Amino acid sequence: MAKRKSEDVNEIAFRVVKQSTSEPIPITAAKKRKNPAAVALGRLGGKKGGRARADKLDPARRREIASDAARKRWHKGKT
């Protein structure tokens, strides 16, 4: 039997009962799709956000944030 990640135990039990009573199994709707307009708006804001935040920071603070990030990347997993 193929693995079904999206179904929980209740959905599987429901399907088994329907099959055992020979009732037709209702076809569930496919995965809900995101509204393309909302996705575009969210992406637009996300693309602006990082640049706008960086523009508001002074160069010393940006350098501090960048060096902290680099230090954490290089020392990942080391104690």
PDB file of N, CA and C in Angstrom:
ATOM      1  N   MET A   1       0.838  -1.168   0.000  1.00  0.00           N
ATOM      2  CA  MET A   1       0.000   0.000   0.000  1.00  0.00           C
ATOM      3  C   MET A   1       0.888   1.238   0.000  1.00  0.00           C
ATOM      4  N   ALA A   2       0.563   2.207  -0.804  1.00  0.00           N
ATOM      5  CA  ALA A   2       1.354   3.420  -0.901  1.00  0.00           C
ATOM      6  C   ALA A   2       1.187   4.271   0.351  1.00  0.00           C
ATOM      7  N   LYS A   3       2.252   4.972   0.722  1.00  0.00           N
ATOM      8  CA  LYS A   3       2.179   5.846   1.881  1.00  0.00           C
ATOM      9  C   LYS A   3       1.406   7.100   1.519  1.00  0.00           C
ATOM     10  N   ARG A   4       0.559   7.518   2.425  1.00  0.00           N
ATOM     11  CA  ARG A   4      -0.221   8.736   2.221  1.00  0.00           C
ATOM     12  C   ARG A   4       0.083   9.668   3.386  1.00  0.00           C
ATOM     13  N   LYS A   5       0.876  10.671   3.126  1.00  0.00           N
ATOM     14  CA  LYS A   5       1.300  11.571   4.188  1.00  0.00           C
ATOM     15  C   LYS A   5       0.193  12.508   4.644  1.00  0.00           C
ATOM     16  N   SER A   6      -0.716  12.863   3.746  1.00  0.00           N
ATOM     17  CA  SER A   6      -1.700  13.876   4.081  1.00  0.00           C
ATOM     18  C   SER A   6      -2.893  13.329   4.861  1.00  0.00           C
ATOM     19  N   GLU A   7      -3.057  12.024   4.937  1.00  0.00           N
ATOM     20  CA  GLU A   7      -4.221  11.462   5.616  1.00  0.00           C
ATOM     21  C   GLU A   7      -3.890  11.123   7.061  1.00  0.00           C
ATOM     22  N   ASP A   8      -4.801  11.444   7.938  1.00  0.00           N
ATOM     23  CA  ASP A   8      -4.603  11.050   9.322  1.00  0.00           C
ATOM     24  C   ASP A   8      -5.328   9.729   9.576  1.00  0.00           C
ATOM     25  N   VAL A   9      -5.272   9.257  10.791  1.00  0.00           N
ATOM     26  CA  VAL A   9      -5.841   7.956  11.142  1.00  0.00           C
ATOM     27  C   VAL A   9      -7.346   7.935  10.896  1.00  0.00           C
ATOM     28  N   ASN A  10      -8.026   9.029  11.192  1.00  0.00           N
ATOM     29  CA  ASN A  10      -9.478   9.070  11.001  1.00  0.00           C
ATOM     30  C   ASN A  10      -9.864   8.949   9.530  1.00  0.00           C
ATOM     31  N   GLU A  11      -9.120   9.588   8.657  1.00  0.00           N
ATOM     32  CA  GLU A  11      -9.419   9.493   7.226  1.00  0.00           C
ATOM     33  C   GLU A  11      -9.204   8.072   6.713  1.00  0.00           C
ATOM     34  N   ILE A  12      -8.161   7.428   7.188  1.00  0.00           N
ATOM     35  CA  ILE A  12      -7.889   6.051   6.770  1.00  0.00           C
ATOM     36  C   ILE A  12      -8.998   5.128   7.271  1.00  0.00           C
ATOM     37  N   ALA A  13      -9.409   5.305   8.528  1.00  0.00           N
ATOM     38  CA  ALA A  13     -10.482   4.474   9.086  1.00  0.00           C
ATOM     39  C   ALA A  13     -11.779   4.686   8.313  1.00  0.00           C
ATOM     40  N   PHE A  14     -12.076   5.923   7.975  1.00  0.00           N
ATOM     41  CA  PHE A  14     -13.280   6.229   7.203  1.00  0.00           C
ATOM     42  C   PHE A  14     -13.250   5.501   5.867  1.00  0.00           C
ATOM     43  N   ARG A  15     -12.110   5.537   5.188  1.00  0.00           N
ATOM     44  CA  ARG A  15     -11.991   4.881   3.887  1.00  0.00           C
ATOM     45  C   ARG A  15     -12.153   3.363   4.015  1.00  0.00           C
ATOM     46  N   VAL A  16     -11.592   2.773   5.078  1.00  0.00           N
ATOM     47  CA  VAL A  16     -11.693   1.325   5.283  1.00  0.00           C
ATOM     48  C   VAL A  16     -13.147   0.917   5.523  1.00  0.00           C
ATOM     49  N   VAL A  17     -13.866   1.692   6.334  1.00  0.00           N
ATOM     50  CA  VAL A  17     -15.275   1.384   6.603  1.00  0.00           C
ATOM     51  C   VAL A  17     -16.091   1.508   5.323  1.00  0.00           C
ATOM     52  N   LYS A  18     -15.860   2.538   4.543  1.00  0.00           N
ATOM     53  CA  LYS A  18     -16.600   2.716   3.288  1.00  0.00           C
ATOM     54  C   LYS A  18     -16.335   1.557   2.332  1.00  0.00           C
ATOM     55  N   GLN A  19     -15.080   1.115   2.259  1.00  0.00           N
ATOM     56  CA  GLN A  19     -14.752   0.006   1.364  1.00  0.00           C
ATOM     57  C   GLN A  19     -15.391  -1.296   1.850  1.00  0.00           C
ATOM     58  N   SER A  20     -15.424  -1.495   3.167  1.00  0.00           N
ATOM     59  CA  SER A  20     -15.970  -2.748   3.686  1.00  0.00           C
ATOM     60  C   SER A  20     -17.487  -2.813   3.553  1.00  0.00           C
ATOM     61  N   THR A  21     -18.155  -1.677   3.501  1.00  0.00           N
ATOM     62  CA  THR A  21     -19.618  -1.675   3.350  1.00  0.00           C
ATOM     63  C   THR A  21     -20.023  -1.492   1.892  1.00  0.00           C
ATOM     64  N   SER A  22     -19.073  -1.477   1.001  1.00  0.00           N
ATOM     65  CA  SER A  22     -19.288  -1.353  -0.447  1.00  0.00           C
ATOM     66  C   SER A  22     -19.978  -0.043  -0.844  1.00  0.00           C
ATOM     67  N   GLU A  23     -19.859   0.971  -0.013  1.00  0.00           N
ATOM     68  CA  GLU A  23     -20.384   2.279  -0.379  1.00  0.00           C
ATOM     69  C   GLU A  23     -19.330   3.005  -1.210  1.00  0.00           C
ATOM     70  N   PRO A  24     -19.786   3.832  -2.132  1.00  0.00           N
ATOM     71  CA  PRO A  24     -18.799   4.568  -2.931  1.00  0.00           C
ATOM     72  C   PRO A  24     -17.993   5.532  -2.056  1.00  0.00           C
ATOM     73  N   ILE A  25     -16.728   5.620  -2.343  1.00  0.00           N
ATOM     74  CA  ILE A  25     -15.840   6.488  -1.586  1.00  0.00           C
ATOM     75  C   ILE A  25     -15.885   7.885  -2.200  1.00  0.00           C
ATOM     76  N   PRO A  26     -16.204   8.897  -1.399  1.00  0.00           N
ATOM     77  CA  PRO A  26     -16.230  10.251  -1.960  1.00  0.00           C
ATOM     78  C   PRO A  26     -14.821  10.709  -2.326  1.00  0.00           C
ATOM     79  N   ILE A  27     -14.726  11.359  -3.445  1.00  0.00           N
ATOM     80  CA  ILE A  27     -13.433  11.868  -3.890  1.00  0.00           C
ATOM     81  C   ILE A  27     -13.188  13.188  -3.184  1.00  0.00           C
ATOM     82  N   THR A  28     -12.098  13.250  -2.446  1.00  0.00           N
ATOM     83  CA  THR A  28     -11.793  14.475  -1.718  1.00  0.00           C
ATOM     84  C   THR A  28     -11.168  15.485  -2.666  1.00  0.00           C
ATOM     85  N   ALA A  29     -11.362  16.723  -2.351  1.00  0.00           N
ATOM     86  CA  ALA A  29     -10.799  17.789  -3.173  1.00  0.00           C
ATOM     87  C   ALA A  29      -9.282  17.737  -3.089  1.00  0.00           C
ATOM     88  N   ALA A  30      -8.666  18.167  -4.143  1.00  0.00           N
ATOM     89  CA  ALA A  30      -7.212  18.214  -4.166  1.00  0.00           C
ATOM     90  C   ALA A  30      -6.723  19.246  -3.151  1.00  0.00           C
ATOM     91  N   LYS A  31      -5.449  19.241  -2.913  1.00  0.00           N
ATOM     92  CA  LYS A  31      -4.846  20.167  -1.975  1.00  0.00           C
ATOM     93  C   LYS A  31      -5.269  21.595  -2.307  1.00  0.00           C
ATOM     94  N   LYS A  32      -5.624  22.356  -1.276  1.00  0.00           N
ATOM     95  CA  LYS A  32      -6.059  23.725  -1.518  1.00  0.00           C
ATOM     96  C   LYS A  32      -4.918  24.514  -2.140  1.00  0.00           C
ATOM     97  N   ARG A  33      -5.256  25.232  -3.169  1.00  0.00           N
ATOM     98  CA  ARG A  33      -4.247  26.031  -3.849  1.00  0.00           C
ATOM     99  C   ARG A  33      -4.304  27.452  -3.336  1.00  0.00           C
ATOM    100  N   LYS A  34      -3.162  28.084  -3.336  1.00  0.00           N
ATOM    101  CA  LYS A  34      -3.091  29.454  -2.858  1.00  0.00           C
ATOM    102  C   LYS A  34      -3.599  30.404  -3.929  1.00  0.00           C
ATOM    103  N   ASN A  35      -4.143  31.498  -3.477  1.00  0.00           N
ATOM    104  CA  ASN A  35      -4.628  32.525  -4.374  1.00  0.00           C
ATOM    105  C   ASN A  35      -3.407  33.185  -5.036  1.00  0.00           C
ATOM    106  N   PRO A  36      -3.286  33.110  -6.361  1.00  0.00           N
ATOM    107  CA  PRO A  36      -2.110  33.674  -7.029  1.00  0.00           C
ATOM    108  C   PRO A  36      -1.917  35.168  -6.770  1.00  0.00           C
ATOM    109  N   ALA A  37      -3.016  35.901  -6.637  1.00  0.00           N
ATOM    110  CA  ALA A  37      -2.896  37.336  -6.370  1.00  0.00           C
ATOM    111  C   ALA A  37      -2.297  37.577  -4.991  1.00  0.00           C
ATOM    112  N   ALA A  38      -2.717  36.790  -4.009  1.00  0.00           N
ATOM    113  CA  ALA A  38      -2.183  36.929  -2.656  1.00  0.00           C
ATOM    114  C   ALA A  38      -0.716  36.535  -2.606  1.00  0.00           C
ATOM    115  N   VAL A  39      -0.352  35.502  -3.344  1.00  0.00           N
ATOM    116  CA  VAL A  39       1.040  35.068  -3.404  1.00  0.00           C
ATOM    117  C   VAL A  39       1.910  36.172  -4.006  1.00  0.00           C
ATOM    118  N   ALA A  40       1.414  36.794  -5.067  1.00  0.00           N
ATOM    119  CA  ALA A  40       2.170  37.864  -5.710  1.00  0.00           C
ATOM    120  C   ALA A  40       2.356  39.043  -4.767  1.00  0.00           C
ATOM    121  N   LEU A  41       1.304  39.406  -4.049  1.00  0.00           N
ATOM    122  CA  LEU A  41       1.424  40.518  -3.101  1.00  0.00           C
ATOM    123  C   LEU A  41       2.399  40.189  -1.976  1.00  0.00           C
ATOM    124  N   GLY A  42       2.330  38.987  -1.457  1.00  0.00           N
ATOM    125  CA  GLY A  42       3.236  38.586  -0.388  1.00  0.00           C
ATOM    126  C   GLY A  42       4.681  38.576  -0.848  1.00  0.00           C
ATOM    127  N   ARG A  43       4.906  38.106  -2.043  1.00  0.00           N
ATOM    128  CA  ARG A  43       6.261  38.073  -2.577  1.00  0.00           C
ATOM    129  C   ARG A  43       6.782  39.482  -2.802  1.00  0.00           C
ATOM    130  N   LEU A  44       5.905  40.362  -3.271  1.00  0.00           N
ATOM    131  CA  LEU A  44       6.289  41.740  -3.509  1.00  0.00           C
ATOM    132  C   LEU A  44       6.740  42.402  -2.209  1.00  0.00           C
ATOM    133  N   GLY A  45       5.967  42.210  -1.150  1.00  0.00           N
ATOM    134  CA  GLY A  45       6.337  42.773   0.144  1.00  0.00           C
ATOM    135  C   GLY A  45       7.601  42.150   0.692  1.00  0.00           C
ATOM    136  N   GLY A  46       7.754  40.845   0.506  1.00  0.00           N
ATOM    137  CA  GLY A  46       8.945  40.160   0.986  1.00  0.00           C
ATOM    138  C   GLY A  46      10.208  40.635   0.285  1.00  0.00           C
ATOM    139  N   LYS A  47      10.093  40.914  -0.999  1.00  0.00           N
ATOM    140  CA  LYS A  47      11.251  41.383  -1.743  1.00  0.00           C
ATOM    141  C   LYS A  47      11.672  42.774  -1.293  1.00  0.00           C
ATOM    142  N   LYS A  48      10.700  43.583  -0.882  1.00  0.00           N
ATOM    143  CA  LYS A  48      11.009  44.942  -0.437  1.00  0.00           C
ATOM    144  C   LYS A  48      11.510  44.968   0.998  1.00  0.00           C
ATOM    145  N   GLY A  49      11.039  44.026   1.810  1.00  0.00           N
ATOM    146  CA  GLY A  49      11.277  44.070   3.245  1.00  0.00           C
ATOM    147  C   GLY A  49      12.734  44.053   3.664  1.00  0.00           C
ATOM    148  N   GLY A  50      13.509  43.132   3.139  1.00  0.00           N
ATOM    149  CA  GLY A  50      14.906  43.019   3.536  1.00  0.00           C
ATOM    150  C   GLY A  50      15.711  44.245   3.158  1.00  0.00           C
ATOM    151  N   ARG A  51      15.483  44.748   1.971  1.00  0.00           N
ATOM    152  CA  ARG A  51      16.206  45.933   1.513  1.00  0.00           C
ATOM    153  C   ARG A  51      15.814  47.154   2.340  1.00  0.00           C
ATOM    154  N   ALA A  52      14.522  47.296   2.642  1.00  0.00           N
ATOM    155  CA  ALA A  52      14.055  48.440   3.429  1.00  0.00           C
ATOM    156  C   ALA A  52      14.652  48.399   4.834  1.00  0.00           C
ATOM    157  N   ARG A  53      14.739  47.198   5.420  1.00  0.00           N
ATOM    158  CA  ARG A  53      15.317  47.072   6.756  1.00  0.00           C
ATOM    159  C   ARG A  53      16.802  47.414   6.725  1.00  0.00           C
ATOM    160  N   ALA A  54      17.499  46.934   5.723  1.00  0.00           N
ATOM    161  CA  ALA A  54      18.932  47.213   5.614  1.00  0.00           C
ATOM    162  C   ALA A  54      19.188  48.703   5.408  1.00  0.00           C
ATOM    163  N   ASP A  55      18.337  49.376   4.661  1.00  0.00           N
ATOM    164  CA  ASP A  55      18.507  50.805   4.428  1.00  0.00           C
ATOM    165  C   ASP A  55      18.325  51.614   5.707  1.00  0.00           C
ATOM    166  N   LYS A  56      17.489  51.131   6.617  1.00  0.00           N
ATOM    167  CA  LYS A  56      17.242  51.850   7.863  1.00  0.00           C
ATOM    168  C   LYS A  56      18.368  51.682   8.876  1.00  0.00           C
ATOM    169  N   LEU A  57      19.162  50.610   8.742  1.00  0.00           N
ATOM    170  CA  LEU A  57      20.242  50.360   9.687  1.00  0.00           C
ATOM    171  C   LEU A  57      21.472  51.179   9.316  1.00  0.00           C
ATOM    172  N   ASP A  58      22.215  51.595  10.341  1.00  0.00           N
ATOM    173  CA  ASP A  58      23.470  52.283  10.044  1.00  0.00           C
ATOM    174  C   ASP A  58      24.524  51.234   9.679  1.00  0.00           C
ATOM    175  N   PRO A  59      25.572  51.624   8.982  1.00  0.00           N
ATOM    176  CA  PRO A  59      26.572  50.647   8.509  1.00  0.00           C
ATOM    177  C   PRO A  59      27.217  49.830   9.634  1.00  0.00           C
ATOM    178  N   ALA A  60      27.429  50.435  10.787  1.00  0.00           N
ATOM    179  CA  ALA A  60      28.064  49.697  11.886  1.00  0.00           C
ATOM    180  C   ALA A  60      27.158  48.555  12.364  1.00  0.00           C
ATOM    181  N   ARG A  61      25.865  48.818  12.466  1.00  0.00           N
ATOM    182  CA  ARG A  61      24.929  47.786  12.917  1.00  0.00           C
ATOM    183  C   ARG A  61      24.801  46.682  11.864  1.00  0.00           C
ATOM    184  N   ARG A  62      24.775  47.052  10.590  1.00  0.00           N
ATOM    185  CA  ARG A  62      24.728  46.036   9.519  1.00  0.00           C
ATOM    186  C   ARG A  62      25.958  45.148   9.572  1.00  0.00           C
ATOM    187  N   ARG A  63      27.127  45.738   9.801  1.00  0.00           N
ATOM    188  CA  ARG A  63      28.373  44.975   9.882  1.00  0.00           C
ATOM    189  C   ARG A  63      28.322  44.022  11.079  1.00  0.00           C
ATOM    190  N   GLU A  64      27.785  44.499  12.193  1.00  0.00           N
ATOM    191  CA  GLU A  64      27.672  43.673  13.389  1.00  0.00           C
ATOM    192  C   GLU A  64      26.751  42.476  13.141  1.00  0.00           C
ATOM    193  N   ILE A  65      25.617  42.715  12.510  1.00  0.00           N
ATOM    194  CA  ILE A  65      24.677  41.633  12.201  1.00  0.00           C
ATOM    195  C   ILE A  65      25.323  40.621  11.260  1.00  0.00           C
ATOM    196  N   ALA A  66      26.026  41.114  10.242  1.00  0.00           N
ATOM    197  CA  ALA A  66      26.665  40.225   9.267  1.00  0.00           C
ATOM    198  C   ALA A  66      27.770  39.397   9.916  1.00  0.00           C
ATOM    199  N   SER A  67      28.565  40.008  10.785  1.00  0.00           N
ATOM    200  CA  SER A  67      29.650  39.258  11.419  1.00  0.00           C
ATOM    201  C   SER A  67      29.102  38.219  12.394  1.00  0.00           C
ATOM    202  N   ASP A  68      28.016  38.547  13.113  1.00  0.00           N
ATOM    203  CA  ASP A  68      27.381  37.563  13.987  1.00  0.00           C
ATOM    204  C   ASP A  68      26.866  36.373  13.187  1.00  0.00           C
ATOM    205  N   ALA A  69      26.239  36.655  12.052  1.00  0.00           N
ATOM    206  CA  ALA A  69      25.711  35.579  11.202  1.00  0.00           C
ATOM    207  C   ALA A  69      26.847  34.699  10.681  1.00  0.00           C
ATOM    208  N   ALA A  70      27.930  35.315  10.237  1.00  0.00           N
ATOM    209  CA  ALA A  70      29.073  34.546   9.720  1.00  0.00           C
ATOM    210  C   ALA A  70      29.690  33.700  10.825  1.00  0.00           C
ATOM    211  N   ARG A  71      29.820  34.269  12.014  1.00  0.00           N
ATOM    212  CA  ARG A  71      30.394  33.534  13.140  1.00  0.00           C
ATOM    213  C   ARG A  71      29.539  32.315  13.467  1.00  0.00           C
ATOM    214  N   LYS A  72      28.224  32.498  13.457  1.00  0.00           N
ATOM    215  CA  LYS A  72      27.340  31.374  13.758  1.00  0.00           C
ATOM    216  C   LYS A  72      27.390  30.307  12.670  1.00  0.00           C
ATOM    217  N   ARG A  73      27.543  30.731  11.399  1.00  0.00           N
ATOM    218  CA  ARG A  73      27.660  29.744  10.314  1.00  0.00           C
ATOM    219  C   ARG A  73      28.928  28.926  10.453  1.00  0.00           C
ATOM    220  N   TRP A  74      30.033  29.578  10.754  1.00  0.00           N
ATOM    221  CA  TRP A  74      31.316  28.884  10.797  1.00  0.00           C
ATOM    222  C   TRP A  74      31.479  28.037  12.043  1.00  0.00           C
ATOM    223  N   HIS A  75      30.795  28.390  13.120  1.00  0.00           N
ATOM    224  CA  HIS A  75      30.932  27.641  14.358  1.00  0.00           C
ATOM    225  C   HIS A  75      29.744  26.733  14.629  1.00  0.00           C
ATOM    226  N   LYS A  76      28.965  26.461  13.602  1.00  0.00           N
ATOM    227  CA  LYS A  76      27.791  25.607  13.760  1.00  0.00           C
ATOM    228  C   LYS A  76      28.225  24.189  14.129  1.00  0.00           C
ATOM    229  N   GLY A  77      27.644  23.666  15.177  1.00  0.00           N
ATOM    230  CA  GLY A  77      27.930  22.302  15.585  1.00  0.00           C
ATOM    231  C   GLY A  77      29.142  22.163  16.475  1.00  0.00           C
ATOM    232  N   LYS A  78      29.920  23.216  16.651  1.00  0.00           N
ATOM    233  CA  LYS A  78      31.082  23.166  17.520  1.00  0.00           C
ATOM    234  C   LYS A  78      30.698  23.745  18.879  1.00  0.00           C
ATOM    235  N   THR A  79      31.125  23.083  19.936  1.00  0.00           N
ATOM    236  CA  THR A  79      30.804  23.586  21.272  1.00  0.00           C
ATOM    237  C   THR A  79      32.012  24.101  21.974  1.00  0.00           C
TER     238      THR A  79
END
